[in-house]
Amino acid sequence: MTDVRELLPLYALDLLDADEVRAVEQAVAADPALRDELRSFQRTAEAVVAPVAPSPAVKARLMASIGAGRFESFSARMAKLFDVTVDRARELLGLIERPASWEVQVPGISLVHFSGGPSKLAADCGFIRLAPGAVFPPHTHVGEEAATILVGHVRDMTNDRLLGPGDDYVQLPGTNHYLVNQGSEECIFAVAAMNGIEIAGAPVRPSKRS
């Protein structure tokens, strides 16, 4: 028969079956020394397995990965835009919540860059964030660019078009424009730009991949 003392640490960790639990509780009720020993194990167990609250960014990424993030309504569209699975799209949307994912390009403009699926291997895929008042400079699209606004508003100054959450837009190869965040909140949009863009005639390609 198992010595009840051998069961005390397992009881403290809630790892015993019903019969063993009864055996421990009966023995502890009859023996103050066993009761004190069990309390010692329980204090140790509480210290070892005490829950640690995740940071807001980590929690947001976890929620996004299981389809419960603030951008879940965009997951299917991001899967199509980047040619990835919906689960992968959720992971990518979760990067928005991770401060370390963002690379500052110039003051007011930052991006998250990653690889797309098979049909987007030649594309620059990622998220762009414009602070209020920020200007994304005039640029030319080498290939077709598709984008979706996720948060905030941005104005396409060249085409005099205001874009907001949920709006999609496509720029054809050879077209050019520039964007301004005229609102009071940041604007985040998803982009897949085939073969990248050119600014002042020079190719511009992100160097960081998440």
C-alpha atoms as a PDB file:
ATOM      1  CA  MET A   1       0.000   0.000   0.000  1.00  0.00           C
ATOM      2  CA  THR A   2       1.300   3.439  -0.894  1.00  0.00           C
ATOM      3  CA  ASP A   3       2.566   5.557   2.002  1.00  0.00           C
ATOM      4  CA  VAL A   4       0.202   8.526   2.276  1.00  0.00           C
ATOM      5  CA  ARG A   5       3.209  10.828   2.637  1.00  0.00           C
ATOM      6  CA  GLU A   6       4.196   9.986  -0.943  1.00  0.00           C
ATOM      7  CA  LEU A   7       0.802  11.260  -2.078  1.00  0.00           C
ATOM      8  CA  LEU A   8       0.991  14.636  -0.347  1.00  0.00           C
ATOM      9  CA  PRO A   9       2.906  16.516  -3.109  1.00  0.00           C
ATOM     10  CA  LEU A  10       0.617  15.032  -5.745  1.00  0.00           C
ATOM     11  CA  TYR A  11      -2.427  16.071  -3.737  1.00  0.00           C
ATOM     12  CA  ALA A  12      -1.049  19.614  -3.559  1.00  0.00           C
ATOM     13  CA  LEU A  13      -0.784  19.627  -7.358  1.00  0.00           C
ATOM     14  CA  ASP A  14      -4.274  18.127  -7.796  1.00  0.00           C
ATOM     15  CA  LEU A  15      -2.896  15.047  -9.550  1.00  0.00           C
ATOM     16  CA  LEU A  16      -4.608  12.249  -7.568  1.00  0.00           C
ATOM     17  CA  ASP A  17      -7.619  10.177  -8.439  1.00  0.00           C
ATOM     18  CA  ALA A  18     -10.735  10.210  -6.237  1.00  0.00           C
ATOM     19  CA  ASP A  19      -9.731   7.214  -4.074  1.00  0.00           C
ATOM     20  CA  GLU A  20      -6.291   8.639  -3.383  1.00  0.00           C
ATOM     21  CA  VAL A  21      -7.782  12.031  -2.530  1.00  0.00           C
ATOM     22  CA  ARG A  22     -10.051  10.421   0.054  1.00  0.00           C
ATOM     23  CA  ALA A  23      -7.121   8.509   1.532  1.00  0.00           C
ATOM     24  CA  VAL A  24      -5.037  11.655   1.913  1.00  0.00           C
ATOM     25  CA  GLU A  25      -7.879  13.685   3.400  1.00  0.00           C
ATOM     26  CA  GLN A  26      -8.721  10.964   5.945  1.00  0.00           C
ATOM     27  CA  ALA A  27      -5.078  10.645   6.991  1.00  0.00           C
ATOM     28  CA  VAL A  28      -4.592  14.426   7.247  1.00  0.00           C
ATOM     29  CA  ALA A  29      -7.744  14.786   9.345  1.00  0.00           C
ATOM     30  CA  ALA A  30      -6.385  12.282  11.845  1.00  0.00           C
ATOM     31  CA  ASP A  31      -2.760  13.489  11.972  1.00  0.00           C
ATOM     32  CA  PRO A  32      -1.835  17.163  12.648  1.00  0.00           C
ATOM     33  CA  ALA A  33       1.757  16.514  11.527  1.00  0.00           C
ATOM     34  CA  LEU A  34       0.546  15.284   8.123  1.00  0.00           C
ATOM     35  CA  ARG A  35      -1.724  18.310   7.878  1.00  0.00           C
ATOM     36  CA  ASP A  36       1.215  20.665   8.434  1.00  0.00           C
ATOM     37  CA  GLU A  37       3.306  18.755   5.890  1.00  0.00           C
ATOM     38  CA  LEU A  38       0.520  19.000   3.314  1.00  0.00           C
ATOM     39  CA  ARG A  39       0.176  22.742   3.879  1.00  0.00           C
ATOM     40  CA  SER A  40       3.891  23.100   3.213  1.00  0.00           C
ATOM     41  CA  PHE A  41       3.526  21.263  -0.108  1.00  0.00           C
ATOM     42  CA  GLN A  42       0.504  23.395  -1.009  1.00  0.00           C
ATOM     43  CA  ARG A  43       2.384  26.636  -0.381  1.00  0.00           C
ATOM     44  CA  THR A  44       5.210  25.403  -2.588  1.00  0.00           C
ATOM     45  CA  ALA A  45       2.788  24.356  -5.325  1.00  0.00           C
ATOM     46  CA  GLU A  46       1.082  27.748  -5.269  1.00  0.00           C
ATOM     47  CA  ALA A  47       4.431  29.496  -5.684  1.00  0.00           C
ATOM     48  CA  VAL A  48       5.458  27.247  -8.557  1.00  0.00           C
ATOM     49  CA  VAL A  49       2.256  27.339 -10.570  1.00  0.00           C
ATOM     50  CA  ALA A  50       1.002  30.813  -9.682  1.00  0.00           C
ATOM     51  CA  PRO A  51      -0.581  32.271 -12.830  1.00  0.00           C
ATOM     52  CA  VAL A  52       1.251  35.145 -14.505  1.00  0.00           C
ATOM     53  CA  ALA A  53      -0.866  37.628 -16.401  1.00  0.00           C
ATOM     54  CA  PRO A  54       0.441  38.147 -19.958  1.00  0.00           C
ATOM     55  CA  SER A  55       1.271  41.632 -21.153  1.00  0.00           C
ATOM     56  CA  PRO A  56      -1.478  43.332 -23.199  1.00  0.00           C
ATOM     57  CA  ALA A  57       0.533  42.803 -26.395  1.00  0.00           C
ATOM     58  CA  VAL A  58       1.084  39.093 -25.729  1.00  0.00           C
ATOM     59  CA  LYS A  59      -2.561  38.608 -24.787  1.00  0.00           C
ATOM     60  CA  ALA A  60      -3.678  40.377 -27.978  1.00  0.00           C
ATOM     61  CA  ARG A  61      -1.449  38.153 -30.123  1.00  0.00           C
ATOM     62  CA  LEU A  62      -2.717  35.011 -28.410  1.00  0.00           C
ATOM     63  CA  MET A  63      -6.313  36.099 -28.917  1.00  0.00           C
ATOM     64  CA  ALA A  64      -5.640  36.863 -32.578  1.00  0.00           C
ATOM     65  CA  SER A  65      -4.047  33.448 -33.112  1.00  0.00           C
ATOM     66  CA  ILE A  66      -7.226  31.690 -31.967  1.00  0.00           C
ATOM     67  CA  GLY A  67      -9.567  33.907 -33.949  1.00  0.00           C
ATOM     68  CA  ALA A  68     -10.591  36.251 -31.156  1.00  0.00           C
ATOM     69  CA  GLY A  69      -8.461  39.301 -31.909  1.00  0.00           C
ATOM     70  CA  ARG A  70      -9.686  42.780 -32.783  1.00  0.00           C
ATOM     71  CA  PHE A  71      -8.886  42.164 -36.463  1.00  0.00           C
ATOM     72  CA  GLU A  72     -10.644  38.802 -36.750  1.00  0.00           C
ATOM     73  CA  SER A  73     -13.162  40.232 -39.222  1.00  0.00           C
ATOM     74  CA  PHE A  74     -10.248  40.735 -41.635  1.00  0.00           C
ATOM     75  CA  SER A  75      -8.713  37.259 -41.329  1.00  0.00           C
ATOM     76  CA  ALA A  76     -10.307  35.773 -44.450  1.00  0.00           C
ATOM     77  CA  ARG A  77      -9.470  38.856 -46.509  1.00  0.00           C
ATOM     78  CA  MET A  78      -5.871  38.827 -45.294  1.00  0.00           C
ATOM     79  CA  ALA A  79      -5.601  35.140 -46.191  1.00  0.00           C
ATOM     80  CA  LYS A  80      -6.606  36.024 -49.752  1.00  0.00           C
ATOM     81  CA  LEU A  81      -4.472  39.173 -49.929  1.00  0.00           C
ATOM     82  CA  PHE A  82      -1.302  37.403 -48.789  1.00  0.00           C
ATOM     83  CA  ASP A  83      -2.143  33.959 -50.251  1.00  0.00           C
ATOM     84  CA  VAL A  84      -1.893  32.182 -46.892  1.00  0.00           C
ATOM     85  CA  THR A  85      -4.207  30.063 -44.765  1.00  0.00           C
ATOM     86  CA  VAL A  86      -6.702  31.746 -42.471  1.00  0.00           C
ATOM     87  CA  ASP A  87      -4.749  30.471 -39.448  1.00  0.00           C
ATOM     88  CA  ARG A  88      -1.568  32.039 -40.824  1.00  0.00           C
ATOM     89  CA  ALA A  89      -3.461  35.257 -41.548  1.00  0.00           C
ATOM     90  CA  ARG A  90      -4.515  35.353 -37.895  1.00  0.00           C
ATOM     91  CA  GLU A  91      -0.895  34.960 -36.832  1.00  0.00           C
ATOM     92  CA  LEU A  92       0.107  37.809 -39.122  1.00  0.00           C
ATOM     93  CA  LEU A  93      -2.656  40.058 -37.805  1.00  0.00           C
ATOM     94  CA  GLY A  94      -1.380  39.266 -34.318  1.00  0.00           C
ATOM     95  CA  LEU A  95       1.952  40.888 -35.260  1.00  0.00           C
ATOM     96  CA  ILE A  96       0.175  44.238 -35.299  1.00  0.00           C
ATOM     97  CA  GLU A  97      -0.165  43.949 -31.521  1.00  0.00           C
ATOM     98  CA  ARG A  98       3.539  43.181 -31.033  1.00  0.00           C
ATOM     99  CA  PRO A  99       5.582  46.388 -30.679  1.00  0.00           C
ATOM    100  CA  ALA A 100       8.815  44.601 -31.600  1.00  0.00           C
ATOM    101  CA  SER A 101       7.370  43.645 -35.001  1.00  0.00           C
ATOM    102  CA  TRP A 102       7.273  47.259 -36.150  1.00  0.00           C
ATOM    103  CA  GLU A 103      10.246  48.782 -37.917  1.00  0.00           C
ATOM    104  CA  VAL A 104      10.352  52.577 -38.053  1.00  0.00           C
ATOM    105  CA  GLN A 105      11.158  53.763 -41.574  1.00  0.00           C
ATOM    106  CA  VAL A 106      11.043  57.500 -40.958  1.00  0.00           C
ATOM    107  CA  PRO A 107       9.310  59.435 -38.159  1.00  0.00           C
ATOM    108  CA  GLY A 108       5.578  58.745 -38.393  1.00  0.00           C
ATOM    109  CA  ILE A 109       5.890  55.725 -40.690  1.00  0.00           C
ATOM    110  CA  SER A 110       6.551  52.156 -39.563  1.00  0.00           C
ATOM    111  CA  LEU A 111       5.941  48.731 -41.027  1.00  0.00           C
ATOM    112  CA  VAL A 112       5.781  45.026 -40.370  1.00  0.00           C
ATOM    113  CA  HIS A 113       7.187  42.982 -43.250  1.00  0.00           C
ATOM    114  CA  PHE A 114       6.745  39.253 -43.881  1.00  0.00           C
ATOM    115  CA  SER A 115       6.713  36.717 -46.691  1.00  0.00           C
ATOM    116  CA  GLY A 116       3.481  35.965 -48.499  1.00  0.00           C
ATOM    117  CA  GLY A 117       2.270  32.681 -49.924  1.00  0.00           C
ATOM    118  CA  PRO A 118       3.210  31.044 -53.248  1.00  0.00           C
ATOM    119  CA  SER A 119       1.584  33.621 -55.510  1.00  0.00           C
ATOM    120  CA  LYS A 120       3.032  36.513 -53.497  1.00  0.00           C
ATOM    121  CA  LEU A 121       6.680  35.481 -53.287  1.00  0.00           C
ATOM    122  CA  ALA A 122       7.663  38.476 -55.440  1.00  0.00           C
ATOM    123  CA  ALA A 123       5.509  40.859 -53.422  1.00  0.00           C
ATOM    124  CA  ASP A 124       6.361  43.099 -50.516  1.00  0.00           C
ATOM    125  CA  CYS A 125       3.767  41.986 -47.978  1.00  0.00           C
ATOM    126  CA  GLY A 126       3.094  43.652 -44.675  1.00  0.00           C
ATOM    127  CA  PHE A 127       1.336  46.259 -42.607  1.00  0.00           C
ATOM    128  CA  ILE A 128       2.036  49.983 -42.767  1.00  0.00           C
ATOM    129  CA  ARG A 129       1.274  52.355 -39.922  1.00  0.00           C
ATOM    130  CA  LEU A 130       0.965  56.099 -40.425  1.00  0.00           C
ATOM    131  CA  ALA A 131       0.839  58.403 -37.422  1.00  0.00           C
ATOM    132  CA  PRO A 132      -1.593  61.348 -37.523  1.00  0.00           C
ATOM    133  CA  GLY A 133      -0.258  63.898 -39.990  1.00  0.00           C
ATOM    134  CA  ALA A 134       2.271  61.487 -41.517  1.00  0.00           C
ATOM    135  CA  VAL A 135       2.854  61.481 -45.270  1.00  0.00           C
ATOM    136  CA  PHE A 136       3.764  58.379 -47.242  1.00  0.00           C
ATOM    137  CA  PRO A 137       5.849  59.999 -50.002  1.00  0.00           C
ATOM    138  CA  PRO A 138       5.105  59.949 -53.740  1.00  0.00           C
ATOM    139  CA  HIS A 139       5.963  56.525 -55.116  1.00  0.00           C
ATOM    140  CA  THR A 140       5.527  54.420 -58.234  1.00  0.00           C
ATOM    141  CA  HIS A 141       4.231  50.855 -58.243  1.00  0.00           C
ATOM    142  CA  VAL A 142       6.495  48.460 -60.117  1.00  0.00           C
ATOM    143  CA  GLY A 143       3.764  45.813 -60.156  1.00  0.00           C
ATOM    144  CA  GLU A 144       0.173  45.692 -59.013  1.00  0.00           C
ATOM    145  CA  GLU A 145      -0.434  46.713 -55.411  1.00  0.00           C
ATOM    146  CA  ALA A 146      -3.472  45.664 -53.369  1.00  0.00           C
ATOM    147  CA  ALA A 147      -4.241  47.114 -49.956  1.00  0.00           C
ATOM    148  CA  THR A 148      -6.915  47.054 -47.243  1.00  0.00           C
ATOM    149  CA  ILE A 149      -7.390  49.687 -44.558  1.00  0.00           C
ATOM    150  CA  LEU A 150      -7.614  48.106 -41.094  1.00  0.00           C
ATOM    151  CA  VAL A 151      -7.678  51.096 -38.757  1.00  0.00           C
ATOM    152  CA  GLY A 152      -8.077  54.831 -39.209  1.00  0.00           C
ATOM    153  CA  HIS A 153      -8.287  56.880 -42.395  1.00  0.00           C
ATOM    154  CA  VAL A 154      -5.839  57.917 -45.067  1.00  0.00           C
ATOM    155  CA  ARG A 155      -6.268  60.175 -48.089  1.00  0.00           C
ATOM    156  CA  ASP A 156      -4.852  59.298 -51.488  1.00  0.00           C
ATOM    157  CA  MET A 157      -3.843  62.840 -52.406  1.00  0.00           C
ATOM    158  CA  THR A 158      -3.118  62.054 -56.047  1.00  0.00           C
ATOM    159  CA  ASN A 159      -6.572  60.603 -56.674  1.00  0.00           C
ATOM    160  CA  ASP A 160      -8.373  62.662 -54.000  1.00  0.00           C
ATOM    161  CA  ARG A 161      -9.839  59.593 -52.342  1.00  0.00           C
ATOM    162  CA  LEU A 162     -10.435  59.138 -48.611  1.00  0.00           C
ATOM    163  CA  LEU A 163     -10.042  55.527 -47.446  1.00  0.00           C
ATOM    164  CA  GLY A 164     -11.281  54.112 -44.146  1.00  0.00           C
ATOM    165  CA  PRO A 165     -11.564  50.794 -42.271  1.00  0.00           C
ATOM    166  CA  GLY A 166     -12.567  47.959 -44.581  1.00  0.00           C
ATOM    167  CA  ASP A 167     -11.809  49.841 -47.798  1.00  0.00           C
ATOM    168  CA  ASP A 168      -9.784  47.990 -50.436  1.00  0.00           C
ATOM    169  CA  TYR A 169      -7.871  49.619 -53.253  1.00  0.00           C
ATOM    170  CA  VAL A 170      -5.694  48.446 -56.108  1.00  0.00           C
ATOM    171  CA  GLN A 171      -2.932  50.363 -57.892  1.00  0.00           C
ATOM    172  CA  LEU A 172      -1.875  49.150 -61.317  1.00  0.00           C
ATOM    173  CA  PRO A 173       1.753  48.763 -62.448  1.00  0.00           C
ATOM    174  CA  GLY A 174       3.309  52.093 -63.329  1.00  0.00           C
ATOM    175  CA  THR A 175       0.828  54.211 -61.376  1.00  0.00           C
ATOM    176  CA  ASN A 176       1.973  56.609 -58.705  1.00  0.00           C
ATOM    177  CA  HIS A 177       0.446  58.448 -55.766  1.00  0.00           C
ATOM    178  CA  TYR A 178       1.091  59.607 -52.225  1.00  0.00           C
ATOM    179  CA  LEU A 179      -0.863  59.209 -48.997  1.00  0.00           C
ATOM    180  CA  VAL A 180      -1.553  61.446 -46.002  1.00  0.00           C
ATOM    181  CA  ASN A 181      -3.091  60.572 -42.659  1.00  0.00           C
ATOM    182  CA  GLN A 182      -5.265  63.621 -42.096  1.00  0.00           C
ATOM    183  CA  GLY A 183      -7.066  62.143 -39.096  1.00  0.00           C
ATOM    184  CA  SER A 184      -6.409  62.272 -35.361  1.00  0.00           C
ATOM    185  CA  GLU A 185      -5.688  58.525 -34.997  1.00  0.00           C
ATOM    186  CA  GLU A 186      -3.089  56.270 -36.518  1.00  0.00           C
ATOM    187  CA  CYS A 187      -3.894  54.486 -39.754  1.00  0.00           C
ATOM    188  CA  ILE A 188      -2.863  50.870 -40.317  1.00  0.00           C
ATOM    189  CA  PHE A 189      -3.289  49.152 -43.661  1.00  0.00           C
ATOM    190  CA  ALA A 190      -2.279  45.822 -45.159  1.00  0.00           C
ATOM    191  CA  VAL A 191      -0.372  45.818 -48.438  1.00  0.00           C
ATOM    192  CA  ALA A 192       0.839  43.312 -51.009  1.00  0.00           C
ATOM    193  CA  ALA A 193       2.943  45.158 -53.596  1.00  0.00           C
ATOM    194  CA  MET A 194       4.217  42.983 -56.418  1.00  0.00           C
ATOM    195  CA  ASN A 195       7.901  43.704 -57.085  1.00  0.00           C
ATOM    196  CA  GLY A 196       7.875  46.590 -54.643  1.00  0.00           C
ATOM    197  CA  ILE A 197       7.794  50.325 -55.232  1.00  0.00           C
ATOM    198  CA  GLU A 198      10.116  53.092 -56.401  1.00  0.00           C
ATOM    199  CA  ILE A 199      10.629  56.458 -54.743  1.00  0.00           C
ATOM    200  CA  ALA A 200      12.308  59.129 -56.837  1.00  0.00           C
ATOM    201  CA  GLY A 201      13.194  56.418 -59.354  1.00  0.00           C
ATOM    202  CA  ALA A 202      14.996  54.211 -56.828  1.00  0.00           C
ATOM    203  CA  PRO A 203      13.711  50.769 -55.800  1.00  0.00           C
ATOM    204  CA  VAL A 204      12.583  50.591 -52.162  1.00  0.00           C
ATOM    205  CA  ARG A 205      12.308  47.132 -50.586  1.00  0.00           C
ATOM    206  CA  PRO A 206      11.869  46.343 -46.885  1.00  0.00           C
ATOM    207  CA  SER A 207      14.734  44.520 -45.230  1.00  0.00           C
ATOM    208  CA  LYS A 208      13.072  43.170 -42.085  1.00  0.00           C
ATOM    209  CA  ARG A 209      10.868  40.075 -42.101  1.00  0.00           C
ATOM    210  CA  SER A 210       8.690  38.985 -39.170  1.00  0.00           C
END
